Amino acid sequence: MATVDYRTPVGIDLRDLALQAGHIGGIYIDNPSGSWLRVTGIERFVPPYCEAWSAPVVPTQTSISVLFVASPSGTPSLNVGGPTLVRLADAPYPDSPGYASGAETYQQPRIAEIQQVGDTINVTETYTATTLIPDTPGEQIIPRKFYCAATGIGNNRIHSNAILRLVNTMGFPGTLILPYITLSPERPSDQVEYEAGKAVAVGIGINVEHQTDVGGGTIFVTVFLQYYRLVNQ
């Protein structure tokens, strides 16, 4: 049996995985994270804190993806725990639900009320990060909506573009949470909504990264982030 292993940190999807040669006939997963996984192609779900889960891939596939998702019932997943192992094989694995990894005692948080943070930031030519939510060890949120509106430059007009993105602060540039927003004279405000069901660890903070090509000037931009806070039951 030919196999290949892939590993990924919590919350980072594995897309278009393939064997070096041949079709995928089986898949094995160790999932020590707090997130559900969806296996595309066979449309199977792997529960959190589950080891030695496996399934045959029928029909065989040339590639497959493993995605961090909400549970089949819609309960948000948690981006906590250890990295996930995915092993592909050119022959079938047995259909096995695996076994609990020992983390089943983890207390599943519940979703609290919608909260909001906001700020007015100065967007210049220098690539800069502004903190919206500071490092809060152990905290988790689910972003809901990120809104940006340019309040003007010079004579209350926008003369160029402002590019903003919502990230967490694991490294700089940070890890993208929401798609880029570009503000311009034609689009002075915009908003994006977060994919339902994915939680973000606030223990590493949430920033807005921003930059403009205005050429020596500043665009003042008001930003708001609506989010659900997760609290222990």
C-alpha atoms as a PDB file:
ATOM      1  CA  MET A   1       0.000   0.000   0.000  1.00  0.00           C
ATOM      2  CA  ALA A   2       1.435   3.390  -1.011  1.00  0.00           C
ATOM      3  CA  THR A   3       0.661   6.227   1.411  1.00  0.00           C
ATOM      4  CA  VAL A   4       1.403   9.913   1.850  1.00  0.00           C
ATOM      5  CA  ASP A   5       0.945  12.005   5.020  1.00  0.00           C
ATOM      6  CA  TYR A   6      -0.199  15.607   5.329  1.00  0.00           C
ATOM      7  CA  ARG A   7      -0.242  17.657   8.547  1.00  0.00           C
ATOM      8  CA  THR A   8      -1.916  20.979   9.166  1.00  0.00           C
ATOM      9  CA  PRO A   9      -2.266  23.393  12.121  1.00  0.00           C
ATOM     10  CA  VAL A  10      -5.734  23.857  13.582  1.00  0.00           C
ATOM     11  CA  GLY A  11      -8.027  25.841  11.308  1.00  0.00           C
ATOM     12  CA  ILE A  12      -5.909  25.616   8.135  1.00  0.00           C
ATOM     13  CA  ASP A  13      -7.760  23.650   5.449  1.00  0.00           C
ATOM     14  CA  LEU A  14      -5.997  21.000   3.393  1.00  0.00           C
ATOM     15  CA  ARG A  15      -7.121  21.350  -0.211  1.00  0.00           C
ATOM     16  CA  ASP A  16      -6.566  19.183  -3.292  1.00  0.00           C
ATOM     17  CA  LEU A  17      -4.459  16.542  -1.558  1.00  0.00           C
ATOM     18  CA  ALA A  18      -3.168  13.818  -3.848  1.00  0.00           C
ATOM     19  CA  LEU A  19      -0.897  10.817  -4.036  1.00  0.00           C
ATOM     20  CA  GLN A  20       2.296  11.116  -6.058  1.00  0.00           C
ATOM     21  CA  ALA A  21       0.821   8.592  -8.489  1.00  0.00           C
ATOM     22  CA  GLY A  22      -2.478   6.787  -8.815  1.00  0.00           C
ATOM     23  CA  HIS A  23      -5.917   7.290  -7.314  1.00  0.00           C
ATOM     24  CA  ILE A  24      -6.849   7.687  -3.648  1.00  0.00           C
ATOM     25  CA  GLY A  25      -8.511   4.530  -2.382  1.00  0.00           C
ATOM     26  CA  GLY A  26      -8.550   5.207   1.375  1.00  0.00           C
ATOM     27  CA  ILE A  27      -8.127   7.977   3.946  1.00  0.00           C
ATOM     28  CA  TYR A  28      -7.004   7.916   7.599  1.00  0.00           C
ATOM     29  CA  ILE A  29      -7.259  10.903   9.960  1.00  0.00           C
ATOM     30  CA  ASP A  30      -6.050  11.753  13.461  1.00  0.00           C
ATOM     31  CA  ASN A  31      -7.980  14.853  14.553  1.00  0.00           C
ATOM     32  CA  PRO A  32      -6.839  16.070  18.003  1.00  0.00           C
ATOM     33  CA  SER A  33      -8.423  19.482  17.382  1.00  0.00           C
ATOM     34  CA  GLY A  34     -11.711  20.871  18.679  1.00  0.00           C
ATOM     35  CA  SER A  35     -13.032  21.261  15.145  1.00  0.00           C
ATOM     36  CA  TRP A  36     -15.165  19.080  12.926  1.00  0.00           C
ATOM     37  CA  LEU A  37     -13.600  18.104   9.594  1.00  0.00           C
ATOM     38  CA  ARG A  38     -15.368  17.558   6.288  1.00  0.00           C
ATOM     39  CA  VAL A  39     -13.800  15.196   3.765  1.00  0.00           C
ATOM     40  CA  THR A  40     -14.801  16.264   0.269  1.00  0.00           C
ATOM     41  CA  GLY A  41     -15.378  13.730  -2.457  1.00  0.00           C
ATOM     42  CA  ILE A  42     -16.907  11.225  -0.048  1.00  0.00           C
ATOM     43  CA  GLU A  43     -18.714  13.897   2.018  1.00  0.00           C
ATOM     44  CA  ARG A  44     -17.875  12.405   5.396  1.00  0.00           C
ATOM     45  CA  PHE A  45     -17.450  14.250   8.719  1.00  0.00           C
ATOM     46  CA  VAL A  46     -14.758  13.584  11.320  1.00  0.00           C
ATOM     47  CA  PRO A  47     -15.656  14.661  14.899  1.00  0.00           C
ATOM     48  CA  PRO A  48     -13.369  16.677  17.182  1.00  0.00           C
ATOM     49  CA  TYR A  49     -10.803  14.906  19.387  1.00  0.00           C
ATOM     50  CA  CYS A  50     -10.933  11.743  17.307  1.00  0.00           C
ATOM     51  CA  GLU A  51      -7.994   9.463  16.492  1.00  0.00           C
ATOM     52  CA  ALA A  52      -7.672   6.643  13.949  1.00  0.00           C
ATOM     53  CA  TRP A  53     -10.730   7.625  11.911  1.00  0.00           C
ATOM     54  CA  SER A  54     -10.637   5.979   8.482  1.00  0.00           C
ATOM     55  CA  ALA A  55     -12.799   5.321   5.442  1.00  0.00           C
ATOM     56  CA  PRO A  56     -12.579   3.837   1.961  1.00  0.00           C
ATOM     57  CA  VAL A  57     -12.749   6.390  -0.857  1.00  0.00           C
ATOM     58  CA  VAL A  58     -15.473   5.145  -3.181  1.00  0.00           C
ATOM     59  CA  PRO A  59     -15.258   5.865  -6.008  1.00  0.00           C
ATOM     60  CA  THR A  60     -11.525   6.483  -5.966  1.00  0.00           C
ATOM     61  CA  GLN A  61     -10.417  10.101  -6.362  1.00  0.00           C
ATOM     62  CA  THR A  62      -7.431  11.878  -7.926  1.00  0.00           C
ATOM     63  CA  SER A  63      -7.548  14.526  -5.162  1.00  0.00           C
ATOM     64  CA  ILE A  64      -9.407  15.197  -1.946  1.00  0.00           C
ATOM     65  CA  SER A  65      -9.794  18.089   0.524  1.00  0.00           C
ATOM     66  CA  VAL A  66     -10.128  18.117   4.314  1.00  0.00           C
ATOM     67  CA  LEU A  67     -11.846  21.259   5.616  1.00  0.00           C
ATOM     68  CA  PHE A  68     -12.345  22.689   9.119  1.00  0.00           C
ATOM     69  CA  VAL A  69     -16.105  23.257   9.359  1.00  0.00           C
ATOM     70  CA  ALA A  70     -19.056  23.552  11.717  1.00  0.00           C
ATOM     71  CA  SER A  71     -20.634  20.311  12.891  1.00  0.00           C
ATOM     72  CA  PRO A  72     -23.260  18.674  10.650  1.00  0.00           C
ATOM     73  CA  SER A  73     -25.908  20.143  12.974  1.00  0.00           C
ATOM     74  CA  GLY A  74     -24.427  23.647  12.635  1.00  0.00           C
ATOM     75  CA  THR A  75     -22.657  23.909  16.017  1.00  0.00           C
ATOM     76  CA  PRO A  76     -19.573  26.129  15.654  1.00  0.00           C
ATOM     77  CA  SER A  77     -16.226  24.386  15.750  1.00  0.00           C
ATOM     78  CA  LEU A  78     -13.302  25.515  17.902  1.00  0.00           C
ATOM     79  CA  ASN A  79      -9.820  26.199  16.564  1.00  0.00           C
ATOM     80  CA  VAL A  80      -8.066  24.643  19.548  1.00  0.00           C
ATOM     81  CA  GLY A  81      -6.025  21.503  20.049  1.00  0.00           C
ATOM     82  CA  GLY A  82      -3.217  19.878  18.146  1.00  0.00           C
ATOM     83  CA  PRO A  83      -2.403  19.613  14.427  1.00  0.00           C
ATOM     84  CA  THR A  84      -4.360  17.200  12.254  1.00  0.00           C
ATOM     85  CA  LEU A  85      -2.813  14.252  10.412  1.00  0.00           C
ATOM     86  CA  VAL A  86      -4.318  13.114   7.102  1.00  0.00           C
ATOM     87  CA  ARG A  87      -2.973   9.957   5.462  1.00  0.00           C
ATOM     88  CA  LEU A  88      -3.946   9.016   1.914  1.00  0.00           C
ATOM     89  CA  ALA A  89      -3.523   5.516   0.497  1.00  0.00           C
ATOM     90  CA  ASP A  90      -3.922   3.908  -2.901  1.00  0.00           C
ATOM     91  CA  ALA A  91      -5.902   1.051  -1.329  1.00  0.00           C
ATOM     92  CA  PRO A  92      -9.044   1.185   0.838  1.00  0.00           C
ATOM     93  CA  TYR A  93      -8.901   1.711   4.595  1.00  0.00           C
ATOM     94  CA  PRO A  94     -11.619   0.065   6.694  1.00  0.00           C
ATOM     95  CA  ASP A  95     -14.632   2.197   7.566  1.00  0.00           C
ATOM     96  CA  SER A  96     -13.861   3.079  11.208  1.00  0.00           C
ATOM     97  CA  PRO A  97     -15.254   5.829  13.489  1.00  0.00           C
ATOM     98  CA  GLY A  98     -11.960   5.922  15.390  1.00  0.00           C
ATOM     99  CA  TYR A  99     -11.789   6.577  19.108  1.00  0.00           C
ATOM    100  CA  ALA A 100     -11.825   9.578  21.449  1.00  0.00           C
ATOM    101  CA  SER A 101      -8.401  11.127  21.899  1.00  0.00           C
ATOM    102  CA  GLY A 102      -8.899  11.833  25.598  1.00  0.00           C
ATOM    103  CA  ALA A 103      -9.828  15.480  25.136  1.00  0.00           C
ATOM    104  CA  GLU A 104     -13.550  14.812  25.392  1.00  0.00           C
ATOM    105  CA  THR A 105     -13.501  16.412  28.837  1.00  0.00           C
ATOM    106  CA  TYR A 106     -12.885  19.780  27.160  1.00  0.00           C
ATOM    107  CA  GLN A 107     -15.699  22.133  28.120  1.00  0.00           C
ATOM    108  CA  GLN A 108     -17.574  23.161  24.991  1.00  0.00           C
ATOM    109  CA  PRO A 109     -18.179  26.926  25.091  1.00  0.00           C
ATOM    110  CA  ARG A 110     -21.527  28.424  24.184  1.00  0.00           C
ATOM    111  CA  ILE A 111     -22.152  31.447  22.019  1.00  0.00           C
ATOM    112  CA  ALA A 112     -22.857  34.669  23.904  1.00  0.00           C
ATOM    113  CA  GLU A 113     -24.437  37.852  22.591  1.00  0.00           C
ATOM    114  CA  ILE A 114     -23.174  39.828  19.597  1.00  0.00           C
ATOM    115  CA  GLN A 115     -20.525  42.364  20.549  1.00  0.00           C
ATOM    116  CA  GLN A 116     -18.852  45.126  18.548  1.00  0.00           C
ATOM    117  CA  VAL A 117     -15.533  46.954  18.524  1.00  0.00           C
ATOM    118  CA  GLY A 118     -14.578  49.917  16.374  1.00  0.00           C
ATOM    119  CA  ASP A 119     -11.922  52.522  15.712  1.00  0.00           C
ATOM    120  CA  THR A 120     -10.938  55.290  13.311  1.00  0.00           C
ATOM    121  CA  ILE A 121      -7.557  54.522  11.815  1.00  0.00           C
ATOM    122  CA  ASN A 122      -5.111  56.556   9.753  1.00  0.00           C
ATOM    123  CA  VAL A 123      -4.311  54.651   6.574  1.00  0.00           C
ATOM    124  CA  THR A 124      -0.997  55.737   5.027  1.00  0.00           C
ATOM    125  CA  GLU A 125       1.518  54.403   2.488  1.00  0.00           C
ATOM    126  CA  THR A 126       3.242  52.427   5.238  1.00  0.00           C
ATOM    127  CA  TYR A 127       1.911  48.901   5.732  1.00  0.00           C
ATOM    128  CA  THR A 128       0.582  49.087   9.307  1.00  0.00           C
ATOM    129  CA  ALA A 129      -1.434  47.016  11.766  1.00  0.00           C
ATOM    130  CA  THR A 130      -4.009  48.494  14.178  1.00  0.00           C
ATOM    131  CA  THR A 131      -5.288  46.358  17.061  1.00  0.00           C
ATOM    132  CA  LEU A 132      -9.053  45.867  17.258  1.00  0.00           C
ATOM    133  CA  ILE A 133      -9.061  43.152  19.933  1.00  0.00           C
ATOM    134  CA  PRO A 134      -5.928  42.772  22.094  1.00  0.00           C
ATOM    135  CA  ASP A 135      -4.334  39.478  23.053  1.00  0.00           C
ATOM    136  CA  THR A 136      -6.690  37.748  25.483  1.00  0.00           C
ATOM    137  CA  PRO A 137      -5.344  34.293  26.395  1.00  0.00           C
ATOM    138  CA  GLY A 138      -7.986  31.591  26.282  1.00  0.00           C
ATOM    139  CA  GLU A 139     -10.673  33.743  24.647  1.00  0.00           C
ATOM    140  CA  GLN A 140     -12.442  32.702  21.437  1.00  0.00           C
ATOM    141  CA  ILE A 141     -14.806  34.601  19.168  1.00  0.00           C
ATOM    142  CA  ILE A 142     -16.717  34.011  15.953  1.00  0.00           C
ATOM    143  CA  PRO A 143     -16.437  37.086  13.701  1.00  0.00           C
ATOM    144  CA  ARG A 144     -19.726  38.075  12.081  1.00  0.00           C
ATOM    145  CA  LYS A 145     -19.289  41.242  10.049  1.00  0.00           C
ATOM    146  CA  PHE A 146     -16.398  43.621   9.302  1.00  0.00           C
ATOM    147  CA  TYR A 147     -17.336  47.118   8.095  1.00  0.00           C
ATOM    148  CA  CYS A 148     -15.058  49.863   6.760  1.00  0.00           C
ATOM    149  CA  ALA A 149     -15.912  53.417   5.685  1.00  0.00           C
ATOM    150  CA  ALA A 150     -13.491  56.115   4.511  1.00  0.00           C
ATOM    151  CA  THR A 151     -14.200  59.445   6.189  1.00  0.00           C
ATOM    152  CA  GLY A 152     -12.121  61.399   3.691  1.00  0.00           C
ATOM    153  CA  ILE A 153      -8.802  62.950   2.811  1.00  0.00           C
ATOM    154  CA  GLY A 154      -8.131  66.609   2.085  1.00  0.00           C
ATOM    155  CA  ASN A 155     -11.396  68.155   1.011  1.00  0.00           C
ATOM    156  CA  ASN A 156     -13.412  65.221   2.369  1.00  0.00           C
ATOM    157  CA  ARG A 157     -12.686  63.275  -0.802  1.00  0.00           C
ATOM    158  CA  ILE A 158     -10.868  60.010  -1.353  1.00  0.00           C
ATOM    159  CA  HIS A 159      -8.161  60.414  -3.987  1.00  0.00           C
ATOM    160  CA  SER A 160      -6.870  56.878  -4.025  1.00  0.00           C
ATOM    161  CA  ASN A 161      -7.349  53.363  -2.676  1.00  0.00           C
ATOM    162  CA  ALA A 162      -7.192  52.044   0.876  1.00  0.00           C
ATOM    163  CA  ILE A 163      -6.684  48.297   1.318  1.00  0.00           C
ATOM    164  CA  LEU A 164      -7.708  46.720   4.632  1.00  0.00           C
ATOM    165  CA  ARG A 165      -7.841  43.176   5.934  1.00  0.00           C
ATOM    166  CA  LEU A 166      -8.798  41.575   9.235  1.00  0.00           C
ATOM    167  CA  VAL A 167      -6.139  39.222  10.603  1.00  0.00           C
ATOM    168  CA  ASN A 168      -5.053  37.526  13.773  1.00  0.00           C
ATOM    169  CA  THR A 169      -1.603  38.405  15.065  1.00  0.00           C
ATOM    170  CA  MET A 170       0.113  35.045  14.627  1.00  0.00           C
ATOM    171  CA  GLY A 171       3.089  36.506  12.796  1.00  0.00           C
ATOM    172  CA  PHE A 172       3.217  39.653  10.716  1.00  0.00           C
ATOM    173  CA  PRO A 173       1.656  39.914   8.228  1.00  0.00           C
ATOM    174  CA  GLY A 174      -1.037  38.149  10.185  1.00  0.00           C
ATOM    175  CA  THR A 175      -3.170  35.182   9.232  1.00  0.00           C
ATOM    176  CA  LEU A 176      -6.092  36.363   7.107  1.00  0.00           C
ATOM    177  CA  ILE A 177      -9.505  36.018   8.767  1.00  0.00           C
ATOM    178  CA  LEU A 178     -11.663  37.829   6.206  1.00  0.00           C
ATOM    179  CA  PRO A 179     -11.146  38.788   2.537  1.00  0.00           C
ATOM    180  CA  TYR A 180      -9.448  42.048   1.636  1.00  0.00           C
ATOM    181  CA  ILE A 181     -11.557  45.204   1.487  1.00  0.00           C
ATOM    182  CA  THR A 182     -10.544  47.907  -1.008  1.00  0.00           C
ATOM    183  CA  LEU A 183     -12.001  51.383  -0.567  1.00  0.00           C
ATOM    184  CA  SER A 184     -11.929  53.836  -3.471  1.00  0.00           C
ATOM    185  CA  PRO A 185     -13.691  56.984  -4.698  1.00  0.00           C
ATOM    186  CA  GLU A 186     -16.247  54.703  -6.345  1.00  0.00           C
ATOM    187  CA  ARG A 187     -16.633  52.519  -3.238  1.00  0.00           C
ATOM    188  CA  PRO A 188     -15.963  54.590  -0.084  1.00  0.00           C
ATOM    189  CA  SER A 189     -17.459  51.937   2.202  1.00  0.00           C
ATOM    190  CA  ASP A 190     -17.774  48.163   2.176  1.00  0.00           C
ATOM    191  CA  GLN A 191     -18.347  45.173   4.441  1.00  0.00           C
ATOM    192  CA  VAL A 192     -17.688  41.448   4.481  1.00  0.00           C
ATOM    193  CA  GLU A 193     -19.310  38.671   6.471  1.00  0.00           C
ATOM    194  CA  TYR A 194     -17.481  35.788   8.064  1.00  0.00           C
ATOM    195  CA  GLU A 195     -18.012  32.150   7.108  1.00  0.00           C
ATOM    196  CA  ALA A 196     -20.452  30.717   9.625  1.00  0.00           C
ATOM    197  CA  GLY A 197     -19.254  28.120  12.064  1.00  0.00           C
ATOM    198  CA  LYS A 198     -15.559  28.878  12.439  1.00  0.00           C
ATOM    199  CA  ALA A 199     -14.160  30.232  15.693  1.00  0.00           C
ATOM    200  CA  VAL A 200     -11.014  32.336  16.051  1.00  0.00           C
ATOM    201  CA  ALA A 201      -8.712  32.315  19.066  1.00  0.00           C
ATOM    202  CA  VAL A 202      -8.509  35.846  20.462  1.00  0.00           C
ATOM    203  CA  GLY A 203      -5.575  34.777  22.601  1.00  0.00           C
ATOM    204  CA  ILE A 204      -3.412  35.833  19.662  1.00  0.00           C
ATOM    205  CA  GLY A 205      -5.281  39.084  19.075  1.00  0.00           C
ATOM    206  CA  ILE A 206      -7.124  40.519  16.072  1.00  0.00           C
ATOM    207  CA  ASN A 207      -5.713  43.358  13.972  1.00  0.00           C
ATOM    208  CA  VAL A 208      -6.674  45.412  10.968  1.00  0.00           C
ATOM    209  CA  GLU A 209      -3.773  45.614   8.526  1.00  0.00           C
ATOM    210  CA  HIS A 210      -3.962  48.568   6.148  1.00  0.00           C
ATOM    211  CA  GLN A 211      -2.137  50.536   3.477  1.00  0.00           C
ATOM    212  CA  THR A 212      -2.902  53.144   0.795  1.00  0.00           C
ATOM    213  CA  ASP A 213      -1.268  54.327  -2.420  1.00  0.00           C
ATOM    214  CA  VAL A 214      -2.459  57.880  -1.831  1.00  0.00           C
ATOM    215  CA  GLY A 215       1.066  59.301  -2.165  1.00  0.00           C
ATOM    216  CA  GLY A 216       2.132  61.111   0.987  1.00  0.00           C
ATOM    217  CA  GLY A 217      -1.358  61.611   2.379  1.00  0.00           C
ATOM    218  CA  THR A 218      -3.680  59.853   4.811  1.00  0.00           C
ATOM    219  CA  ILE A 219      -7.089  58.287   4.402  1.00  0.00           C
ATOM    220  CA  PHE A 220      -9.113  58.191   7.611  1.00  0.00           C
ATOM    221  CA  VAL A 221     -11.135  55.000   7.823  1.00  0.00           C
ATOM    222  CA  THR A 222     -13.731  53.972  10.397  1.00  0.00           C
ATOM    223  CA  VAL A 223     -13.807  50.235  11.041  1.00  0.00           C
ATOM    224  CA  PHE A 224     -16.249  48.085  12.998  1.00  0.00           C
ATOM    225  CA  LEU A 225     -16.133  44.388  13.805  1.00  0.00           C
ATOM    226  CA  GLN A 226     -19.255  42.570  14.990  1.00  0.00           C
ATOM    227  CA  TYR A 227     -18.606  39.197  16.609  1.00  0.00           C
ATOM    228  CA  TYR A 228     -19.982  36.502  18.858  1.00  0.00           C
ATOM    229  CA  ARG A 229     -18.046  35.836  22.043  1.00  0.00           C
ATOM    230  CA  LEU A 230     -17.710  32.237  23.239  1.00  0.00           C
ATOM    231  CA  VAL A 231     -18.039  31.649  26.961  1.00  0.00           C
ATOM    232  CA  ASN A 232     -17.858  28.480  29.026  1.00  0.00           C
ATOM    233  CA  GLN A 233     -21.173  26.953  30.004  1.00  0.00           C
END
